[in-house]
Amino acid sequence: MKSVTEGLDLDVDRGPNWLFVKLQPSRRPVPESPHVADEVWSISKRHFVYRLVLDLEQLESFPEGMMGQIALLQERLVRQGGALRLCGLSPACEAVVQECQLDKALPNHASREDAVLGEPTAGTASLDKPALATTAS
């Protein structure tokens, strides 16, 4: 299913108990503050699925106001008993998530599958797991 919102194309796939929404830049200019949260929330409500993976692999950087939209969407989904997970963040987008101090609530996942399983990317895995002790002989 393909949907369009203000300069971004949304490609929506449905899996068991999850929606997968891939954001892609379109030929139209992205407005200063896109209304992605409203569009994705509407799609989620139509499907009665409130667990969502937002695949951002095609975005090199976030349009102005996008982090606010992602935070708003997460808040709506959590209030409904759902979840929002991100995957495919570029280094620039990941830096913005960290600057907004949302990297713990919305970690970057390597793939859709990892996002569904809640597996962190290789770079963040060591932050959450203790290192194994080694002994020298």
N, C-alpha and C. Protein backbone atom coordinates (compact mmCIF):
# COMPACT_ATOMS: atom_id res chain seq x y z
N MET A 1 0.85 -1.17 0.00
CA MET A 1 0.00 0.00 0.00
C MET A 1 0.90 1.23 0.00
N LYS A 2 0.62 2.15 -0.88
CA LYS A 2 1.42 3.36 -0.99
C LYS A 2 0.55 4.55 -0.59
N SER A 3 1.10 5.41 0.21
CA SER A 3 0.42 6.62 0.64
C SER A 3 1.39 7.78 0.46
N VAL A 4 0.85 8.97 0.29
CA VAL A 4 1.71 10.13 0.07
C VAL A 4 1.36 11.20 1.08
N THR A 5 2.37 11.79 1.68
CA THR A 5 2.16 12.92 2.58
C THR A 5 3.23 13.96 2.34
N GLU A 6 2.84 15.12 1.93
CA GLU A 6 3.68 16.31 1.87
C GLU A 6 5.16 16.09 1.61
N GLY A 7 5.52 15.65 0.44
CA GLY A 7 6.92 15.51 0.10
C GLY A 7 7.56 14.19 0.48
N LEU A 8 6.81 13.33 1.13
CA LEU A 8 7.31 12.01 1.50
C LEU A 8 6.34 10.95 1.01
N ASP A 9 6.88 9.86 0.49
CA ASP A 9 6.06 8.72 0.14
C ASP A 9 6.12 7.73 1.30
N LEU A 10 4.98 7.17 1.65
CA LEU A 10 4.91 6.17 2.71
C LEU A 10 4.56 4.84 2.06
N ASP A 11 5.41 3.87 2.19
CA ASP A 11 5.16 2.54 1.68
C ASP A 11 4.81 1.67 2.88
N VAL A 12 3.58 1.15 2.91
CA VAL A 12 3.08 0.45 4.08
C VAL A 12 2.91 -1.03 3.79
N ASP A 13 3.49 -1.86 4.65
CA ASP A 13 3.31 -3.32 4.60
C ASP A 13 2.75 -3.76 5.93
N ARG A 14 1.94 -4.80 5.90
CA ARG A 14 1.40 -5.33 7.14
C ARG A 14 1.98 -6.72 7.39
N GLY A 15 2.44 -6.90 8.61
CA GLY A 15 2.92 -8.21 9.03
C GLY A 15 2.05 -8.68 10.18
N PRO A 16 2.31 -9.84 10.72
CA PRO A 16 1.52 -10.29 11.87
C PRO A 16 1.73 -9.35 13.07
N ASN A 17 0.70 -8.66 13.44
CA ASN A 17 0.68 -7.76 14.60
C ASN A 17 1.55 -6.51 14.47
N TRP A 18 2.13 -6.26 13.32
CA TRP A 18 2.99 -5.09 13.11
C TRP A 18 2.67 -4.44 11.79
N LEU A 19 2.82 -3.12 11.74
CA LEU A 19 2.81 -2.38 10.47
C LEU A 19 4.23 -1.92 10.21
N PHE A 20 4.63 -1.97 8.94
CA PHE A 20 5.94 -1.50 8.52
C PHE A 20 5.73 -0.33 7.58
N VAL A 21 6.23 0.82 7.98
CA VAL A 21 6.06 2.03 7.18
C VAL A 21 7.44 2.52 6.77
N LYS A 22 7.66 2.54 5.46
CA LYS A 22 8.94 3.02 4.93
C LYS A 22 8.73 4.44 4.41
N LEU A 23 9.47 5.38 4.95
CA LEU A 23 9.42 6.78 4.51
C LEU A 23 10.47 6.98 3.42
N GLN A 24 10.03 7.57 2.30
CA GLN A 24 10.94 7.83 1.20
C GLN A 24 10.71 9.24 0.69
N PRO A 25 11.79 9.94 0.35
CA PRO A 25 11.59 11.27 -0.22
C PRO A 25 10.89 11.15 -1.56
N SER A 26 10.00 12.08 -1.85
CA SER A 26 9.34 12.10 -3.16
C SER A 26 9.88 13.27 -3.96
N ARG A 27 9.36 13.45 -5.13
CA ARG A 27 9.80 14.55 -5.99
C ARG A 27 9.30 15.91 -5.50
N ARG A 28 8.24 15.90 -4.71
CA ARG A 28 7.70 17.15 -4.17
C ARG A 28 8.57 17.62 -3.01
N PRO A 29 8.70 18.93 -2.84
CA PRO A 29 9.50 19.41 -1.69
C PRO A 29 8.82 19.09 -0.37
N VAL A 30 9.64 18.76 0.62
CA VAL A 30 9.11 18.47 1.95
C VAL A 30 8.87 19.80 2.66
N PRO A 31 7.66 20.00 3.21
CA PRO A 31 7.42 21.25 3.92
C PRO A 31 8.25 21.33 5.20
N GLU A 32 8.32 22.51 5.77
CA GLU A 32 9.12 22.72 6.96
C GLU A 32 8.72 21.79 8.11
N SER A 33 7.44 21.58 8.28
CA SER A 33 6.97 20.71 9.35
C SER A 33 5.98 19.70 8.78
N PRO A 34 6.47 18.54 8.33
CA PRO A 34 5.57 17.55 7.74
C PRO A 34 4.62 16.98 8.78
N HIS A 35 3.46 16.55 8.33
CA HIS A 35 2.45 16.00 9.23
C HIS A 35 2.45 14.46 9.15
N VAL A 36 3.62 13.89 9.29
CA VAL A 36 3.79 12.45 9.20
C VAL A 36 3.04 11.74 10.32
N ALA A 37 3.06 12.28 11.52
CA ALA A 37 2.40 11.61 12.66
C ALA A 37 0.93 11.41 12.38
N ASP A 38 0.25 12.42 11.87
CA ASP A 38 -1.18 12.29 11.59
C ASP A 38 -1.45 11.25 10.52
N GLU A 39 -0.65 11.25 9.46
CA GLU A 39 -0.85 10.30 8.36
C GLU A 39 -0.61 8.86 8.82
N VAL A 40 0.50 8.63 9.52
CA VAL A 40 0.83 7.27 9.97
C VAL A 40 -0.15 6.82 11.05
N TRP A 41 -0.56 7.72 11.93
CA TRP A 41 -1.56 7.38 12.95
C TRP A 41 -2.87 6.96 12.29
N SER A 42 -3.27 7.66 11.25
CA SER A 42 -4.49 7.33 10.52
C SER A 42 -4.40 5.94 9.89
N ILE A 43 -3.24 5.63 9.32
CA ILE A 43 -3.03 4.30 8.74
C ILE A 43 -3.09 3.23 9.83
N SER A 44 -2.46 3.49 10.95
CA SER A 44 -2.45 2.55 12.07
C SER A 44 -3.87 2.27 12.56
N LYS A 45 -4.66 3.33 12.70
CA LYS A 45 -6.05 3.16 13.16
C LYS A 45 -6.89 2.38 12.16
N ARG A 46 -6.69 2.62 10.87
CA ARG A 46 -7.43 1.88 9.84
C ARG A 46 -7.15 0.39 9.89
N HIS A 47 -5.92 0.04 10.23
CA HIS A 47 -5.53 -1.37 10.29
C HIS A 47 -5.76 -1.98 11.67
N PHE A 48 -6.10 -1.16 12.66
CA PHE A 48 -6.25 -1.62 14.04
C PHE A 48 -4.97 -2.30 14.54
N VAL A 49 -3.83 -1.76 14.11
CA VAL A 49 -2.53 -2.26 14.52
C VAL A 49 -1.75 -1.07 15.06
N TYR A 50 -1.27 -1.21 16.31
CA TYR A 50 -0.62 -0.08 16.98
C TYR A 50 0.84 -0.38 17.32
N ARG A 51 1.38 -1.42 16.70
CA ARG A 51 2.82 -1.70 16.79
C ARG A 51 3.38 -1.43 15.41
N LEU A 52 4.35 -0.54 15.37
CA LEU A 52 4.79 -0.02 14.09
C LEU A 52 6.31 0.08 14.00
N VAL A 53 6.85 -0.33 12.87
CA VAL A 53 8.27 -0.14 12.58
C VAL A 53 8.36 0.94 11.51
N LEU A 54 9.06 2.00 11.82
CA LEU A 54 9.27 3.10 10.89
C LEU A 54 10.65 2.91 10.25
N ASP A 55 10.65 2.55 8.96
CA ASP A 55 11.88 2.29 8.22
C ASP A 55 12.32 3.60 7.56
N LEU A 56 13.44 4.14 8.01
CA LEU A 56 13.91 5.45 7.57
C LEU A 56 15.17 5.35 6.71
N GLU A 57 15.41 4.19 6.17
CA GLU A 57 16.62 3.90 5.41
C GLU A 57 16.83 4.85 4.21
N GLN A 58 15.75 5.34 3.62
CA GLN A 58 15.86 6.18 2.42
C GLN A 58 16.08 7.66 2.74
N LEU A 59 16.01 8.05 4.00
CA LEU A 59 16.19 9.45 4.37
C LEU A 59 17.64 9.69 4.81
N GLU A 60 18.31 10.60 4.12
CA GLU A 60 19.68 10.95 4.50
C GLU A 60 19.69 11.85 5.72
N SER A 61 18.66 12.70 5.81
CA SER A 61 18.53 13.59 6.96
C SER A 61 17.04 13.82 7.21
N PHE A 62 16.72 14.27 8.42
CA PHE A 62 15.33 14.53 8.76
C PHE A 62 14.92 15.92 8.27
N PRO A 63 13.73 16.03 7.69
CA PRO A 63 13.19 17.36 7.41
C PRO A 63 12.96 18.09 8.74
N GLU A 64 12.94 19.40 8.69
CA GLU A 64 12.67 20.22 9.88
C GLU A 64 11.36 19.75 10.53
N GLY A 65 11.39 19.54 11.83
CA GLY A 65 10.19 19.15 12.56
C GLY A 65 9.90 17.66 12.59
N MET A 66 10.70 16.86 11.90
CA MET A 66 10.42 15.41 11.82
C MET A 66 10.55 14.72 13.17
N MET A 67 11.53 15.09 13.99
CA MET A 67 11.69 14.44 15.29
C MET A 67 10.47 14.70 16.17
N GLY A 68 9.91 15.89 16.10
CA GLY A 68 8.69 16.17 16.85
C GLY A 68 7.54 15.29 16.39
N GLN A 69 7.47 15.05 15.09
CA GLN A 69 6.43 14.18 14.54
C GLN A 69 6.62 12.73 15.00
N ILE A 70 7.86 12.27 15.02
CA ILE A 70 8.15 10.90 15.46
C ILE A 70 7.82 10.75 16.95
N ALA A 71 8.18 11.76 17.76
CA ALA A 71 7.87 11.71 19.19
C ALA A 71 6.35 11.72 19.42
N LEU A 72 5.62 12.52 18.66
CA LEU A 72 4.17 12.57 18.76
C LEU A 72 3.54 11.22 18.39
N LEU A 73 4.03 10.63 17.32
CA LEU A 73 3.53 9.32 16.89
C LEU A 73 3.81 8.27 17.96
N GLN A 74 5.01 8.28 18.53
CA GLN A 74 5.33 7.31 19.58
C GLN A 74 4.38 7.47 20.76
N GLU A 75 4.14 8.70 21.16
CA GLU A 75 3.24 8.96 22.28
C GLU A 75 1.84 8.41 22.02
N ARG A 76 1.32 8.63 20.83
CA ARG A 76 -0.01 8.13 20.47
C ARG A 76 -0.06 6.61 20.49
N LEU A 77 0.96 5.97 19.91
CA LEU A 77 0.99 4.51 19.86
C LEU A 77 1.09 3.90 21.25
N VAL A 78 1.94 4.46 22.10
CA VAL A 78 2.12 3.95 23.46
C VAL A 78 0.82 4.11 24.25
N ARG A 79 0.15 5.24 24.09
CA ARG A 79 -1.14 5.44 24.78
C ARG A 79 -2.17 4.40 24.38
N GLN A 80 -2.04 3.89 23.17
CA GLN A 80 -2.97 2.88 22.65
C GLN A 80 -2.50 1.47 23.00
N GLY A 81 -1.39 1.37 23.74
CA GLY A 81 -0.86 0.05 24.12
C GLY A 81 0.08 -0.51 23.07
N GLY A 82 0.51 0.31 22.13
CA GLY A 82 1.38 -0.15 21.06
C GLY A 82 2.83 0.24 21.28
N ALA A 83 3.58 0.26 20.17
CA ALA A 83 5.00 0.56 20.24
C ALA A 83 5.45 1.13 18.90
N LEU A 84 6.50 1.93 18.96
CA LEU A 84 7.14 2.44 17.75
C LEU A 84 8.60 2.06 17.80
N ARG A 85 9.09 1.50 16.71
CA ARG A 85 10.50 1.14 16.60
C ARG A 85 11.04 1.72 15.31
N LEU A 86 12.28 2.16 15.33
CA LEU A 86 12.93 2.74 14.17
C LEU A 86 13.98 1.79 13.62
N CYS A 87 14.13 1.80 12.30
CA CYS A 87 15.23 1.05 11.70
C CYS A 87 15.77 1.81 10.50
N GLY A 88 17.02 1.54 10.18
CA GLY A 88 17.65 2.10 9.00
C GLY A 88 18.04 3.56 9.09
N LEU A 89 18.25 4.07 10.29
CA LEU A 89 18.63 5.48 10.43
C LEU A 89 20.01 5.74 9.84
N SER A 90 20.13 6.82 9.07
CA SER A 90 21.44 7.25 8.59
C SER A 90 22.22 7.81 9.78
N PRO A 91 23.53 7.94 9.66
CA PRO A 91 24.29 8.53 10.77
C PRO A 91 23.78 9.93 11.15
N ALA A 92 23.39 10.73 10.16
CA ALA A 92 22.89 12.08 10.45
C ALA A 92 21.57 12.02 11.22
N CYS A 93 20.68 11.12 10.82
CA CYS A 93 19.39 10.99 11.51
C CYS A 93 19.59 10.42 12.91
N GLU A 94 20.50 9.46 13.04
CA GLU A 94 20.77 8.87 14.36
C GLU A 94 21.33 9.94 15.31
N ALA A 95 22.15 10.85 14.78
CA ALA A 95 22.71 11.93 15.60
C ALA A 95 21.60 12.86 16.09
N VAL A 96 20.60 13.12 15.25
CA VAL A 96 19.47 13.97 15.65
C VAL A 96 18.68 13.30 16.76
N VAL A 97 18.44 12.00 16.65
CA VAL A 97 17.72 11.25 17.68
C VAL A 97 18.48 11.35 19.00
N GLN A 98 19.80 11.22 18.95
CA GLN A 98 20.63 11.33 20.15
C GLN A 98 20.60 12.74 20.73
N GLU A 99 20.67 13.75 19.87
CA GLU A 99 20.61 15.14 20.33
C GLU A 99 19.29 15.44 21.05
N CYS A 100 18.22 14.82 20.59
CA CYS A 100 16.90 15.00 21.21
C CYS A 100 16.73 14.11 22.44
N GLN A 101 17.77 13.35 22.77
CA GLN A 101 17.77 12.44 23.91
C GLN A 101 16.65 11.41 23.83
N LEU A 102 16.38 10.95 22.62
CA LEU A 102 15.37 9.92 22.40
C LEU A 102 16.00 8.59 21.98
N ASP A 103 17.32 8.50 22.02
CA ASP A 103 17.99 7.29 21.57
C ASP A 103 17.73 6.08 22.46
N LYS A 104 17.40 6.29 23.72
CA LYS A 104 17.06 5.16 24.60
C LYS A 104 15.62 4.68 24.32
N ALA A 105 14.72 5.63 24.13
CA ALA A 105 13.31 5.28 23.87
C ALA A 105 13.12 4.79 22.44
N LEU A 106 13.92 5.32 21.51
CA LEU A 106 13.78 4.98 20.10
C LEU A 106 15.14 4.60 19.51
N PRO A 107 15.70 3.46 19.93
CA PRO A 107 17.00 3.08 19.39
C PRO A 107 16.89 2.70 17.91
N ASN A 108 17.99 2.81 17.22
CA ASN A 108 18.05 2.41 15.82
C ASN A 108 18.26 0.90 15.74
N HIS A 109 17.47 0.26 14.90
CA HIS A 109 17.60 -1.18 14.67
C HIS A 109 18.14 -1.40 13.27
N ALA A 110 18.91 -2.45 13.09
CA ALA A 110 19.55 -2.72 11.81
C ALA A 110 18.55 -3.09 10.71
N SER A 111 17.46 -3.74 11.08
CA SER A 111 16.49 -4.21 10.09
C SER A 111 15.09 -4.24 10.69
N ARG A 112 14.11 -4.47 9.86
CA ARG A 112 12.73 -4.62 10.34
C ARG A 112 12.62 -5.77 11.33
N GLU A 113 13.29 -6.86 10.99
CA GLU A 113 13.23 -8.04 11.85
C GLU A 113 13.81 -7.74 13.23
N ASP A 114 14.97 -7.09 13.25
CA ASP A 114 15.58 -6.72 14.52
C ASP A 114 14.69 -5.77 15.31
N ALA A 115 14.02 -4.87 14.61
CA ALA A 115 13.12 -3.93 15.28
C ALA A 115 11.96 -4.66 15.95
N VAL A 116 11.38 -5.62 15.25
CA VAL A 116 10.27 -6.40 15.82
C VAL A 116 10.75 -7.17 17.05
N LEU A 117 11.95 -7.73 16.96
CA LEU A 117 12.50 -8.50 18.07
C LEU A 117 13.06 -7.61 19.18
N GLY A 118 13.24 -6.33 18.88
CA GLY A 118 13.80 -5.41 19.87
C GLY A 118 15.30 -5.50 19.98
N GLU A 119 15.95 -6.07 18.94
CA GLU A 119 17.41 -6.21 18.94
C GLU A 119 18.05 -4.87 18.57
N PRO A 120 18.97 -4.36 19.40
CA PRO A 120 19.64 -3.11 19.06
C PRO A 120 20.65 -3.33 17.94
N THR A 121 21.09 -2.24 17.32
CA THR A 121 22.12 -2.35 16.29
C THR A 121 23.42 -2.78 16.94
N ALA A 122 24.35 -3.21 16.12
CA ALA A 122 25.64 -3.68 16.65
C ALA A 122 26.33 -2.61 17.47
N GLY A 123 26.20 -1.36 17.07
CA GLY A 123 26.88 -0.28 17.78
C GLY A 123 26.32 -0.02 19.16
N THR A 124 25.04 -0.31 19.40
CA THR A 124 24.43 -0.03 20.69
C THR A 124 24.32 -1.27 21.57
N ALA A 125 24.59 -2.45 21.03
CA ALA A 125 24.43 -3.67 21.80
C ALA A 125 25.32 -3.69 23.04
N SER A 126 26.54 -3.20 22.90
CA SER A 126 27.47 -3.26 24.02
C SER A 126 27.08 -2.32 25.15
N LEU A 127 26.25 -1.32 24.87
CA LEU A 127 25.84 -0.39 25.91
C LEU A 127 24.89 -1.03 26.92
N ASP A 128 24.12 -2.00 26.44
CA ASP A 128 23.09 -2.59 27.28
C ASP A 128 23.49 -3.91 27.91
N LYS A 129 24.57 -4.52 27.41
CA LYS A 129 24.96 -5.83 27.90
C LYS A 129 26.31 -5.75 28.59
N PRO A 130 26.47 -6.40 29.74
CA PRO A 130 27.78 -6.38 30.41
C PRO A 130 28.81 -7.15 29.60
N ALA A 131 30.02 -6.71 29.68
CA ALA A 131 31.11 -7.40 28.99
C ALA A 131 31.42 -8.70 29.72
N LEU A 132 31.85 -9.68 28.96
CA LEU A 132 32.23 -10.96 29.55
C LEU A 132 33.61 -10.82 30.19
N ALA A 133 33.75 -11.39 31.37
CA ALA A 133 35.03 -11.33 32.08
C ALA A 133 35.97 -12.37 31.45
N THR A 134 37.21 -11.99 31.34
CA THR A 134 38.22 -12.93 30.83
C THR A 134 39.35 -13.01 31.86
N THR A 135 39.98 -14.12 31.88
CA THR A 135 41.12 -14.28 32.79
C THR A 135 42.35 -14.65 31.99
N ALA A 136 43.48 -14.14 32.37
CA ALA A 136 44.75 -14.46 31.70
C ALA A 136 45.38 -15.67 32.37
N SER A 137 45.99 -16.51 31.60
CA SER A 137 46.65 -17.69 32.16
C SER A 137 48.11 -17.45 32.36
